């Protein structure tokens, strides 16, 4: 390596070390923003983003009631299959 390239690399490394040592650690918040945000019933039940009515696509986006009905039907079907065996 040439002397000029070596000097540039060492200068950059020294600048990073000096900059990192000169800053104090930021104080961490007591609670995460997600924990302090108010949870809606739909968001808390599904655990994620609840699309608005204009964002829903029929056949792709399921509402919570339809999803719950599908889950209950699958449970009942599984129980019936296990009792038959």
Protein backbone atom coordinates (compact mmCIF):
# COMPACT_ATOMS: atom_id res chain seq x y z
CA UNK A 1 0.00 0.00 0.00
CA UNK A 2 1.19 3.43 -0.71
CA UNK A 3 2.03 5.77 2.11
CA UNK A 4 -0.71 8.22 1.09
CA UNK A 5 -3.44 5.54 1.14
CA UNK A 6 -2.21 4.24 4.48
CA UNK A 7 -2.29 7.75 5.96
CA UNK A 8 -5.83 8.36 4.70
CA UNK A 9 -7.06 5.09 6.20
CA UNK A 10 -5.39 5.75 9.54
CA UNK A 11 -6.78 9.30 9.64
CA UNK A 12 -10.30 8.01 8.98
CA UNK A 13 -9.96 5.35 11.65
CA UNK A 14 -8.64 7.88 14.16
CA UNK A 15 -11.54 10.23 13.38
CA UNK A 16 -14.07 7.45 13.96
CA UNK A 17 -12.48 6.48 17.26
CA UNK A 18 -12.35 10.06 18.50
CA UNK A 19 -15.93 10.75 17.45
CA UNK A 20 -17.19 7.57 19.13
CA UNK A 21 -15.34 8.25 22.37
CA UNK A 22 -16.52 11.83 22.56
CA UNK A 23 -20.22 11.00 22.63
CA UNK A 24 -22.12 9.82 25.68
CA UNK A 25 -24.55 6.96 25.43
CA UNK A 26 -28.13 8.07 24.95
CA UNK A 27 -30.39 7.29 27.88
CA UNK A 28 -32.71 4.41 27.09
CA UNK A 29 -36.43 5.07 27.54
CA UNK A 30 -38.08 3.32 30.47
CA UNK A 31 -40.70 1.69 28.24
CA UNK A 32 -40.73 0.91 24.56
CA UNK A 33 -43.04 3.04 22.37
CA UNK A 34 -45.13 -0.03 21.54
CA UNK A 35 -45.82 -0.65 25.22
CA UNK A 36 -46.95 2.92 25.84
CA UNK A 37 -49.13 3.19 22.73
CA UNK A 38 -52.83 2.57 23.36
CA UNK A 39 -53.93 -0.74 21.87
CA UNK A 40 -57.21 -0.94 20.01
CA UNK A 41 -59.42 -3.99 20.37
CA UNK A 42 -58.85 -5.12 16.78
CA UNK A 43 -55.10 -4.42 16.90
CA UNK A 44 -54.71 -6.22 20.22
CA UNK A 45 -56.76 -9.21 19.09
CA UNK A 46 -54.96 -9.71 15.79
CA UNK A 47 -51.59 -8.43 16.90
CA UNK A 48 -50.96 -6.32 13.83
CA UNK A 49 -52.12 -3.72 11.37
CA UNK A 50 -55.87 -3.43 10.84
CA UNK A 51 -56.61 -2.09 7.33
CA UNK A 52 -59.23 0.60 6.82
CA UNK A 53 -62.44 -0.17 4.95
CA UNK A 54 -61.14 1.36 1.70
CA UNK A 55 -57.93 -0.68 1.95
CA UNK A 56 -59.69 -4.04 2.16
CA UNK A 57 -59.63 -6.27 -0.92
CA UNK A 58 -62.49 -8.78 -1.11
CA UNK A 59 -61.19 -12.33 -1.03
CA UNK A 60 -57.74 -11.32 0.21
CA UNK A 61 -58.30 -9.33 3.39
CA UNK A 62 -60.18 -11.22 6.09
CA UNK A 63 -61.95 -9.47 8.89
CA UNK A 64 -61.55 -10.76 12.43
CA UNK A 65 -65.02 -12.37 12.53
CA UNK A 66 -64.43 -14.33 9.32
CA UNK A 67 -61.03 -15.48 10.54
CA UNK A 68 -62.50 -16.57 13.88
CA UNK A 69 -65.25 -18.52 12.08
CA UNK A 70 -62.67 -20.31 9.91
CA UNK A 71 -60.59 -21.21 12.95
CA UNK A 72 -63.63 -22.57 14.82
CA UNK A 73 -64.69 -24.62 11.79
CA UNK A 74 -61.20 -26.08 11.47
CA UNK A 75 -61.13 -26.96 15.19
CA UNK A 76 -64.51 -28.66 14.98
CA UNK A 77 -63.41 -30.59 11.89
CA UNK A 78 -60.21 -31.71 13.60
CA UNK A 79 -62.09 -32.82 16.71
CA UNK A 80 -64.59 -34.78 14.59
CA UNK A 81 -61.75 -36.47 12.73
CA UNK A 82 -59.97 -37.41 15.95
CA UNK A 83 -63.17 -38.84 17.47
CA UNK A 84 -63.83 -40.91 14.33
CA UNK A 85 -60.46 -42.64 14.66
